[in-house]
Amino acid sequence: MAGREGSGDPGREAGQTRVFGARPEGEVSCREVLLHVYRALQEKGYDPIGQIAHYLLSGEPTYITGHQHARTLITRLERDEILAELVRSYIAHLTGEDPVAGRR
């Protein structure tokens, strides 16, 4: 395909900004997966915050327990998607506003 070679993404022109969209209907939200993983880690006696943070930094799925299918669920999400959800939630907590509502 002419003009798209070397862009790294076959469906995107070089220099275009990637836009993250909503998940298709029927898929579990990032927030729901994080909560499920958090609870599964707690049930197994792990420090959920530390384990999730190490997973996000390293990409190593063994930081997440297989209990309650937590590892399978979290690896279905992109780590940048999880980080974006965490930042969104943190900003909403700090400001009392929903940062998504003001998105363009």
C-alpha atoms as a PDB file:
ATOM      1  CA  MET A   1       0.000   0.000   0.000  1.00  0.00           C
ATOM      2  CA  ALA A   2       1.596   3.192  -1.138  1.00  0.00           C
ATOM      3  CA  GLY A   3       2.195   5.944   1.404  1.00  0.00           C
ATOM      4  CA  ARG A   4       1.811   3.701   4.408  1.00  0.00           C
ATOM      5  CA  GLU A   5       5.109   1.879   4.408  1.00  0.00           C
ATOM      6  CA  GLY A   6       7.125   2.251   7.577  1.00  0.00           C
ATOM      7  CA  SER A   7       4.272   3.741   9.603  1.00  0.00           C
ATOM      8  CA  GLY A   8       4.249   0.763  11.982  1.00  0.00           C
ATOM      9  CA  ASP A   9       0.478   0.532  11.723  1.00  0.00           C
ATOM     10  CA  PRO A  10      -0.882  -0.665   8.374  1.00  0.00           C
ATOM     11  CA  GLY A  11      -4.175   1.227   8.783  1.00  0.00           C
ATOM     12  CA  ARG A  12      -2.652   4.570   9.763  1.00  0.00           C
ATOM     13  CA  GLU A  13      -0.848   7.238   7.767  1.00  0.00           C
ATOM     14  CA  ALA A  14       2.544   8.311   9.110  1.00  0.00           C
ATOM     15  CA  GLY A  15       2.231  11.242  11.506  1.00  0.00           C
ATOM     16  CA  GLN A  16      -1.406  10.632  12.418  1.00  0.00           C
ATOM     17  CA  THR A  17      -2.362  10.615  16.086  1.00  0.00           C
ATOM     18  CA  ARG A  18      -3.794   7.386  17.408  1.00  0.00           C
ATOM     19  CA  VAL A  19      -7.176   7.775  19.084  1.00  0.00           C
ATOM     20  CA  PHE A  20      -8.354   5.319  21.703  1.00  0.00           C
ATOM     21  CA  GLY A  21     -12.027   4.470  21.382  1.00  0.00           C
ATOM     22  CA  ALA A  22     -14.620   2.777  23.502  1.00  0.00           C
ATOM     23  CA  ARG A  23     -14.644  -1.001  23.847  1.00  0.00           C
ATOM     24  CA  PRO A  24     -17.196  -2.904  21.765  1.00  0.00           C
ATOM     25  CA  GLU A  25     -20.403  -3.953  23.518  1.00  0.00           C
ATOM     26  CA  GLY A  26     -20.121  -7.164  25.481  1.00  0.00           C
ATOM     27  CA  GLU A  27     -16.466  -6.700  26.376  1.00  0.00           C
ATOM     28  CA  VAL A  28     -15.498  -6.198  29.984  1.00  0.00           C
ATOM     29  CA  SER A  29     -14.308  -2.679  30.784  1.00  0.00           C
ATOM     30  CA  CYS A  30     -10.790  -1.914  31.914  1.00  0.00           C
ATOM     31  CA  ARG A  31     -12.174  -0.730  35.239  1.00  0.00           C
ATOM     32  CA  GLU A  32     -14.000  -4.037  35.786  1.00  0.00           C
ATOM     33  CA  VAL A  33     -10.883  -6.049  34.917  1.00  0.00           C
ATOM     34  CA  LEU A  34      -8.732  -4.007  37.303  1.00  0.00           C
ATOM     35  CA  LEU A  35     -11.204  -4.489  40.123  1.00  0.00           C
ATOM     36  CA  HIS A  36     -11.428  -8.227  39.449  1.00  0.00           C
ATOM     37  CA  VAL A  37      -7.628  -8.570  39.343  1.00  0.00           C
ATOM     38  CA  TYR A  38      -7.266  -6.476  42.505  1.00  0.00           C
ATOM     39  CA  ARG A  39      -9.701  -8.705  44.394  1.00  0.00           C
ATOM     40  CA  ALA A  40      -8.125 -11.930  43.099  1.00  0.00           C
ATOM     41  CA  LEU A  41      -4.690 -10.751  44.245  1.00  0.00           C
ATOM     42  CA  GLN A  42      -6.107  -9.822  47.655  1.00  0.00           C
ATOM     43  CA  GLU A  43      -7.762 -13.237  48.002  1.00  0.00           C
ATOM     44  CA  LYS A  44      -4.423 -14.920  47.408  1.00  0.00           C
ATOM     45  CA  GLY A  45      -2.713 -12.714  50.001  1.00  0.00           C
ATOM     46  CA  TYR A  46      -0.667 -10.545  47.613  1.00  0.00           C
ATOM     47  CA  ASP A  47      -0.220  -6.768  47.709  1.00  0.00           C
ATOM     48  CA  PRO A  48      -2.510  -5.905  44.765  1.00  0.00           C
ATOM     49  CA  ILE A  49      -1.120  -2.416  44.166  1.00  0.00           C
ATOM     50  CA  GLY A  50       2.476  -3.628  44.047  1.00  0.00           C
ATOM     51  CA  GLN A  51       1.680  -6.622  41.860  1.00  0.00           C
ATOM     52  CA  ILE A  52      -0.344  -4.597  39.351  1.00  0.00           C
ATOM     53  CA  ALA A  53       2.302  -1.837  39.278  1.00  0.00           C
ATOM     54  CA  HIS A  54       5.071  -4.360  38.585  1.00  0.00           C
ATOM     55  CA  TYR A  55       2.989  -5.941  35.840  1.00  0.00           C
ATOM     56  CA  LEU A  56       2.384  -2.557  34.204  1.00  0.00           C
ATOM     57  CA  LEU A  57       6.068  -1.618  34.373  1.00  0.00           C
ATOM     58  CA  SER A  58       7.489  -4.944  33.218  1.00  0.00           C
ATOM     59  CA  GLY A  59       4.759  -6.486  31.083  1.00  0.00           C
ATOM     60  CA  GLU A  60       5.472  -9.763  32.867  1.00  0.00           C
ATOM     61  CA  PRO A  61       2.117 -11.512  33.404  1.00  0.00           C
ATOM     62  CA  THR A  62       3.454 -13.721  36.213  1.00  0.00           C
ATOM     63  CA  TYR A  63       3.030 -10.759  38.575  1.00  0.00           C
ATOM     64  CA  ILE A  64      -0.715 -11.420  38.283  1.00  0.00           C
ATOM     65  CA  THR A  65      -2.237 -14.512  39.841  1.00  0.00           C
ATOM     66  CA  GLY A  66      -4.092 -17.043  37.750  1.00  0.00           C
ATOM     67  CA  HIS A  67      -6.707 -17.203  40.527  1.00  0.00           C
ATOM     68  CA  GLN A  68     -10.199 -16.345  39.253  1.00  0.00           C
ATOM     69  CA  HIS A  69      -8.706 -16.043  35.709  1.00  0.00           C
ATOM     70  CA  ALA A  70      -7.170 -12.686  36.681  1.00  0.00           C
ATOM     71  CA  ARG A  71      -4.046 -13.167  34.531  1.00  0.00           C
ATOM     72  CA  THR A  72      -6.091 -14.109  31.472  1.00  0.00           C
ATOM     73  CA  LEU A  73      -8.341 -11.079  31.875  1.00  0.00           C
ATOM     74  CA  ILE A  74      -5.591  -8.521  32.400  1.00  0.00           C
ATOM     75  CA  THR A  75      -3.493  -9.760  29.488  1.00  0.00           C
ATOM     76  CA  ARG A  76      -6.451  -9.167  27.144  1.00  0.00           C
ATOM     77  CA  LEU A  77      -5.991  -5.438  27.752  1.00  0.00           C
ATOM     78  CA  GLU A  78      -3.165  -3.282  26.473  1.00  0.00           C
ATOM     79  CA  ARG A  79      -0.992  -1.953  29.286  1.00  0.00           C
ATOM     80  CA  ASP A  80      -1.286   1.614  27.944  1.00  0.00           C
ATOM     81  CA  GLU A  81      -5.069   1.249  28.109  1.00  0.00           C
ATOM     82  CA  ILE A  82      -4.801   0.233  31.772  1.00  0.00           C
ATOM     83  CA  LEU A  83      -2.470   3.160  32.517  1.00  0.00           C
ATOM     84  CA  ALA A  84      -4.859   5.574  30.796  1.00  0.00           C
ATOM     85  CA  GLU A  85      -7.735   4.280  32.948  1.00  0.00           C
ATOM     86  CA  LEU A  86      -5.666   4.673  36.104  1.00  0.00           C
ATOM     87  CA  VAL A  87      -4.660   8.246  35.192  1.00  0.00           C
ATOM     88  CA  ARG A  88      -8.274   9.105  34.297  1.00  0.00           C
ATOM     89  CA  SER A  89      -9.503   7.749  37.617  1.00  0.00           C
ATOM     90  CA  TYR A  90      -6.774   9.506  39.585  1.00  0.00           C
ATOM     91  CA  ILE A  91      -7.445  12.877  37.920  1.00  0.00           C
ATOM     92  CA  ALA A  92     -11.182  12.460  38.504  1.00  0.00           C
ATOM     93  CA  HIS A  93     -10.465  11.748  42.172  1.00  0.00           C
ATOM     94  CA  LEU A  94      -8.209  14.820  42.499  1.00  0.00           C
ATOM     95  CA  THR A  95     -10.480  17.245  40.677  1.00  0.00           C
ATOM     96  CA  GLY A  96     -13.895  15.806  41.399  1.00  0.00           C
ATOM     97  CA  GLU A  97     -14.549  15.985  37.651  1.00  0.00           C
ATOM     98  CA  ASP A  98     -14.813  13.336  34.980  1.00  0.00           C
ATOM     99  CA  PRO A  99     -11.904  14.040  32.592  1.00  0.00           C
ATOM    100  CA  VAL A 100     -13.595  11.948  29.883  1.00  0.00           C
ATOM    101  CA  ALA A 101     -16.654  14.233  29.798  1.00  0.00           C
ATOM    102  CA  GLY A 102     -14.531  17.134  28.595  1.00  0.00           C
ATOM    103  CA  ARG A 103     -12.753  15.092  25.907  1.00  0.00           C
ATOM    104  CA  ARG A 104     -12.854  16.381  22.344  1.00  0.00           C
END
